[in-house]
Amino acid sequence: MISIEINGQKVTCKEGSTILDVAKNIGIFIPTLCYHETLSPYGACRLCLVEILKGSRIGLESSCTYPVEENLIVETDNERIRKARRMIIELLLARCPGVEIIQKLASEYGVEKTRFSLEKEDCILCGLCVRVCNEIIKKNSIGFANRGAKRTVTTPFDLPSDFCLGCGACAAICPTGAIKITETKEIREINRWKTKLEMKKCEVCGKPFIPIKEYEFLRDELIKIDFPITLLSICFDCRKKQSADKLINIKEFI
């Protein structure tokens, strides 16, 4: 355990924690867009900038990637920090002027307009979708391509991915809503990745309910741990109905 000072408060924290971890644990809010507690820190959005004093050195650092050190002094919200965040928000607003979460941040920080040229993007390159696919789903279906102003998130060679399960984790974690999933008849499509997946039909009612690739992946993983997989081939509505029927039978028996 080590000791740091954050916003004038002495805190004892675990070595290896980040400043953001410590702030969250003691109830101090620091805005983030590229951070998720289940994923590795990336430091892309820079919204979580804080001011640190280490010896005689003072500077701004991303709190999600900066590990705590003994006697570190941290400020999470002063005018210098707010000015830096306003600049970041102004840049984000120029890139994604139509994105709701960016508009909300701009309102909170008093950024009424941006001096930079407007783009029509909806992706802020936070990397959350890439990390959830690589670290949690472990399929590496998407990644970054190109550099600088041409940097983007896409599938290998910008082609429909053979590895994508269609699980939707990328869409669920995206903070801007840039990744859309549509279902038409028996196909699930992840539009941004140009990927279409055939759906598996429920073995009870016949309704398509899960991409076949995702079903096969889950089945193979559950088999490894001897988990009962009988319900995996049944849609959610039929599972609920079976559970309700069992509950009714139990009540009648009692």
Protein backbone atom coordinates (compact mmCIF):
# COMPACT_ATOMS: atom_id res chain seq x y z
CA MET A 1 0.00 0.00 0.00
CA ILE A 2 1.19 3.53 -0.74
CA SER A 3 0.00 7.04 0.14
CA ILE A 4 -0.94 9.84 -2.24
CA GLU A 5 -2.79 13.13 -1.96
CA ILE A 6 -5.74 13.73 -4.24
CA ASN A 7 -7.65 17.02 -4.16
CA GLY A 8 -6.09 17.73 -0.75
CA GLN A 9 -7.22 14.39 0.65
CA LYS A 10 -4.66 11.89 1.93
CA VAL A 11 -5.42 8.45 0.51
CA THR A 12 -3.88 5.03 1.04
CA CYS A 13 -4.14 2.91 -2.08
CA LYS A 14 -2.85 -0.30 -3.58
CA GLU A 15 0.39 -0.18 -5.52
CA GLY A 16 -0.30 -0.70 -9.21
CA SER A 17 -3.60 1.20 -9.14
CA THR A 18 -4.09 4.09 -11.51
CA ILE A 19 -5.07 7.60 -10.45
CA LEU A 20 -8.48 7.00 -12.03
CA ASP A 21 -8.94 3.81 -9.97
CA VAL A 22 -8.19 5.70 -6.77
CA ALA A 23 -10.44 8.62 -7.68
CA LYS A 24 -13.35 6.29 -8.45
CA ASN A 25 -12.86 4.40 -5.17
CA ILE A 26 -13.18 7.59 -3.09
CA GLY A 27 -16.06 9.04 -5.10
CA ILE A 28 -14.23 11.63 -7.18
CA PHE A 29 -15.66 11.90 -10.70
CA ILE A 30 -13.28 12.18 -13.65
CA PRO A 31 -14.85 12.23 -17.15
CA THR A 32 -13.82 9.48 -19.58
CA LEU A 33 -14.81 8.24 -23.01
CA CYS A 34 -12.25 5.53 -23.82
CA TYR A 35 -12.16 3.84 -20.39
CA HIS A 36 -13.91 0.67 -19.24
CA GLU A 37 -13.03 -1.08 -16.01
CA THR A 38 -12.96 -4.55 -17.61
CA LEU A 39 -10.53 -3.51 -20.36
CA SER A 40 -6.91 -2.42 -20.47
CA PRO A 41 -6.43 1.36 -20.20
CA TYR A 42 -5.72 3.11 -23.48
CA GLY A 43 -5.54 6.86 -22.83
CA ALA A 44 -7.00 7.80 -26.21
CA CYS A 45 -9.65 10.40 -25.42
CA ARG A 46 -7.51 12.39 -22.90
CA LEU A 47 -10.66 13.61 -21.13
CA CYS A 48 -9.41 12.11 -17.87
CA LEU A 49 -6.45 14.48 -17.68
CA VAL A 50 -5.41 15.42 -14.15
CA GLU A 51 -2.64 17.61 -12.77
CA ILE A 52 0.12 15.83 -10.89
CA LEU A 53 2.94 17.15 -8.74
CA LYS A 54 5.87 14.76 -8.48
CA GLY A 55 8.82 16.30 -6.69
CA SER A 56 9.32 19.64 -8.40
CA ARG A 57 7.67 18.54 -11.64
CA ILE A 58 4.07 19.51 -12.36
CA GLY A 59 2.14 18.45 -15.44
CA LEU A 60 -1.01 17.00 -16.97
CA GLU A 61 -1.36 13.24 -17.32
CA SER A 62 -4.15 10.85 -18.30
CA SER A 63 -5.45 9.41 -15.04
CA CYS A 64 -6.54 6.10 -16.59
CA THR A 65 -2.95 5.17 -17.50
CA TYR A 66 -0.88 6.86 -14.79
CA PRO A 67 0.09 4.50 -11.92
CA VAL A 68 0.07 5.90 -8.41
CA GLU A 69 3.41 6.58 -6.71
CA GLU A 70 4.35 7.29 -3.12
CA ASN A 71 3.69 10.93 -2.12
CA LEU A 72 2.16 11.82 -5.48
CA ILE A 73 -0.01 14.95 -5.32
CA VAL A 74 -3.00 15.03 -7.68
CA GLU A 75 -5.59 17.63 -8.62
CA THR A 76 -8.54 16.41 -10.65
CA ASP A 77 -10.44 19.62 -11.33
CA ASN A 78 -8.89 23.07 -11.54
CA GLU A 79 -8.92 25.77 -14.22
CA ARG A 80 -5.86 24.41 -16.01
CA ILE A 81 -7.48 20.97 -16.25
CA ARG A 82 -10.85 22.36 -17.35
CA LYS A 83 -9.15 24.46 -20.02
CA ALA A 84 -7.38 21.37 -21.38
CA ARG A 85 -10.62 19.37 -21.33
CA ARG A 86 -12.47 22.16 -23.14
CA MET A 87 -9.89 22.01 -25.92
CA ILE A 88 -10.27 18.23 -26.17
CA ILE A 89 -14.06 18.56 -26.27
CA GLU A 90 -13.79 21.26 -28.93
CA LEU A 91 -11.72 18.90 -31.09
CA LEU A 92 -14.19 16.06 -30.50
CA LEU A 93 -17.09 18.36 -31.33
CA ALA A 94 -15.41 19.25 -34.63
CA ARG A 95 -14.93 15.57 -35.46
CA CYS A 96 -18.34 14.33 -34.29
CA PRO A 97 -20.71 17.33 -34.19
CA GLY A 98 -23.82 15.14 -34.33
CA VAL A 99 -22.92 12.75 -31.49
CA GLU A 100 -25.11 13.18 -28.41
CA ILE A 101 -22.51 12.35 -25.75
CA ILE A 102 -20.08 14.90 -27.26
CA GLN A 103 -22.81 17.54 -27.36
CA LYS A 104 -23.59 16.84 -23.69
CA LEU A 105 -19.94 17.19 -22.69
CA ALA A 106 -19.69 20.42 -24.66
CA SER A 107 -22.70 21.78 -22.79
CA GLU A 108 -21.29 20.74 -19.41
CA TYR A 109 -17.95 22.44 -20.10
CA GLY A 110 -19.36 25.55 -21.76
CA VAL A 111 -18.11 24.78 -25.26
CA GLU A 112 -20.72 26.46 -27.45
CA LYS A 113 -18.95 26.03 -30.78
CA THR A 114 -15.69 24.80 -32.26
CA ARG A 115 -13.14 26.86 -34.16
CA PHE A 116 -12.03 23.82 -36.16
CA SER A 117 -13.39 22.52 -39.44
CA LEU A 118 -16.42 20.29 -38.96
CA GLU A 119 -16.32 16.67 -40.02
CA LYS A 120 -19.15 14.15 -40.30
CA GLU A 121 -17.68 11.37 -38.21
CA ASP A 122 -19.38 9.38 -35.46
CA CYS A 123 -16.30 7.41 -34.30
CA ILE A 124 -13.90 9.05 -31.84
CA LEU A 125 -11.27 6.28 -32.15
CA CYS A 126 -11.57 5.43 -28.45
CA GLY A 127 -10.62 1.82 -29.15
CA LEU A 128 -13.24 0.32 -26.84
CA CYS A 129 -14.69 -1.86 -29.60
CA VAL A 130 -11.23 -3.12 -30.58
CA ARG A 131 -10.29 -3.94 -27.00
CA VAL A 132 -13.54 -5.71 -26.12
CA CYS A 133 -13.25 -7.85 -29.26
CA ASN A 134 -9.60 -8.67 -28.60
CA GLU A 135 -9.50 -8.94 -24.80
CA ILE A 136 -12.95 -10.28 -23.85
CA ILE A 137 -14.33 -12.03 -26.94
CA LYS A 138 -10.77 -12.88 -28.08
CA LYS A 139 -11.60 -12.90 -31.77
CA ASN A 140 -9.53 -9.93 -33.04
CA SER A 141 -12.19 -9.28 -35.67
CA ILE A 142 -11.46 -5.55 -35.83
CA GLY A 143 -8.49 -3.27 -35.34
CA PHE A 144 -6.95 0.08 -36.18
CA ALA A 145 -5.79 0.87 -39.70
CA ASN A 146 -3.73 3.77 -41.10
CA ARG A 147 -2.23 6.65 -39.16
CA GLY A 148 -2.83 10.28 -38.34
CA ALA A 149 -5.92 11.88 -39.86
CA LYS A 150 -6.63 8.70 -41.85
CA ARG A 151 -6.70 6.43 -38.78
CA THR A 152 -9.82 4.29 -38.59
CA VAL A 153 -11.26 1.16 -37.01
CA THR A 154 -12.10 -1.59 -39.45
CA THR A 155 -11.90 -5.29 -40.23
CA PRO A 156 -8.75 -6.85 -41.78
CA PHE A 157 -8.37 -5.46 -45.31
CA ASP A 158 -11.70 -3.67 -44.81
CA LEU A 159 -13.54 -6.85 -45.80
CA PRO A 160 -16.37 -8.73 -44.03
CA SER A 161 -14.77 -10.55 -41.10
CA ASP A 162 -14.64 -14.35 -41.04
CA PHE A 163 -13.93 -14.24 -37.30
CA CYS A 164 -16.80 -12.00 -36.19
CA LEU A 165 -19.38 -13.83 -34.06
CA GLY A 166 -22.02 -11.14 -34.42
CA CYS A 167 -22.21 -10.98 -30.62
CA GLY A 168 -22.67 -7.19 -30.62
CA ALA A 169 -20.16 -6.49 -27.84
CA CYS A 170 -18.56 -3.79 -29.99
CA ALA A 171 -21.89 -2.03 -30.49
CA ALA A 172 -22.84 -2.36 -26.83
CA ILE A 173 -19.63 -0.73 -25.59
CA CYS A 174 -19.39 2.04 -28.22
CA PRO A 175 -19.95 5.41 -26.45
CA THR A 176 -21.08 7.27 -29.58
CA GLY A 177 -23.46 4.78 -31.18
CA ALA A 178 -21.25 4.53 -34.26
CA ILE A 179 -21.71 0.76 -34.56
CA LYS A 180 -25.18 -0.29 -35.66
CA ILE A 181 -26.70 -3.76 -35.71
CA THR A 182 -29.71 -4.58 -37.88
CA GLU A 183 -31.64 -7.82 -38.25
CA THR A 184 -33.70 -8.65 -41.31
CA LYS A 185 -35.42 -12.03 -41.48
CA GLU A 186 -32.67 -14.55 -40.70
CA ILE A 187 -29.59 -12.32 -41.01
CA ARG A 188 -27.85 -10.11 -38.44
CA GLU A 189 -25.74 -7.37 -39.99
CA ILE A 190 -23.09 -5.25 -38.28
CA ASN A 191 -23.14 -2.39 -40.73
CA ARG A 192 -19.82 -0.75 -39.90
CA TRP A 193 -17.92 -4.00 -40.47
CA LYS A 194 -19.93 -4.97 -43.57
CA THR A 195 -20.47 -8.32 -41.87
CA LYS A 196 -23.61 -10.43 -42.24
CA LEU A 197 -24.26 -13.52 -40.15
CA GLU A 198 -26.88 -16.24 -40.48
CA MET A 199 -29.08 -16.64 -37.42
CA LYS A 200 -29.81 -19.89 -35.58
CA LYS A 201 -33.47 -20.77 -35.12
CA CYS A 202 -34.98 -21.61 -31.76
CA GLU A 203 -35.55 -25.35 -31.45
CA VAL A 204 -38.90 -24.73 -29.77
CA CYS A 205 -40.61 -21.91 -31.66
CA GLY A 206 -38.42 -21.67 -34.78
CA LYS A 207 -37.67 -17.96 -34.36
CA PRO A 208 -34.13 -16.82 -35.32
CA PHE A 209 -32.49 -15.48 -32.17
CA ILE A 210 -28.67 -15.78 -32.18
CA PRO A 211 -25.97 -15.80 -34.89
CA ILE A 212 -24.91 -19.36 -35.64
CA LYS A 213 -21.24 -18.47 -35.13
CA GLU A 214 -21.96 -17.03 -31.68
CA TYR A 215 -24.02 -20.08 -30.75
CA GLU A 216 -21.22 -22.45 -31.81
CA PHE A 217 -18.63 -20.40 -29.93
CA LEU A 218 -20.69 -20.39 -26.72
CA ARG A 219 -21.50 -24.08 -27.06
CA ASP A 220 -17.83 -25.03 -27.44
CA GLU A 221 -16.81 -22.86 -24.48
CA LEU A 222 -19.56 -24.23 -22.22
CA ILE A 223 -18.71 -27.81 -23.10
CA LYS A 224 -15.17 -27.22 -21.79
CA ILE A 225 -16.52 -26.54 -18.30
CA ASP A 226 -19.22 -29.24 -18.37
CA PHE A 227 -21.93 -26.60 -18.24
CA PRO A 228 -25.42 -27.76 -19.29
CA ILE A 229 -26.06 -26.34 -22.75
CA THR A 230 -29.62 -27.51 -23.41
CA LEU A 231 -31.08 -24.03 -23.01
CA LEU A 232 -28.53 -22.49 -25.39
CA SER A 233 -30.50 -23.63 -28.44
CA ILE A 234 -33.73 -22.06 -27.18
CA CYS A 235 -34.66 -18.39 -27.60
CA PHE A 236 -35.05 -16.10 -24.61
CA ASP A 237 -38.86 -16.01 -24.81
CA CYS A 238 -39.07 -19.82 -24.76
CA ARG A 239 -36.59 -19.97 -21.86
CA LYS A 240 -38.80 -17.59 -19.88
CA LYS A 241 -41.87 -19.64 -20.73
CA GLN A 242 -40.18 -22.88 -19.64
CA SER A 243 -39.08 -21.25 -16.39
CA ALA A 244 -42.60 -19.93 -15.79
CA ASP A 245 -44.13 -23.35 -16.51
CA LYS A 246 -41.73 -25.01 -14.07
CA LEU A 247 -42.58 -22.42 -11.43
CA ILE A 248 -46.31 -23.04 -11.93
CA ASN A 249 -45.80 -26.82 -11.63
CA ILE A 250 -43.84 -26.36 -8.41
CA LYS A 251 -46.60 -24.17 -6.97
CA GLU A 252 -49.25 -26.77 -7.89
CA PHE A 253 -47.16 -29.51 -6.27
CA ILE A 254 -46.81 -27.47 -3.08
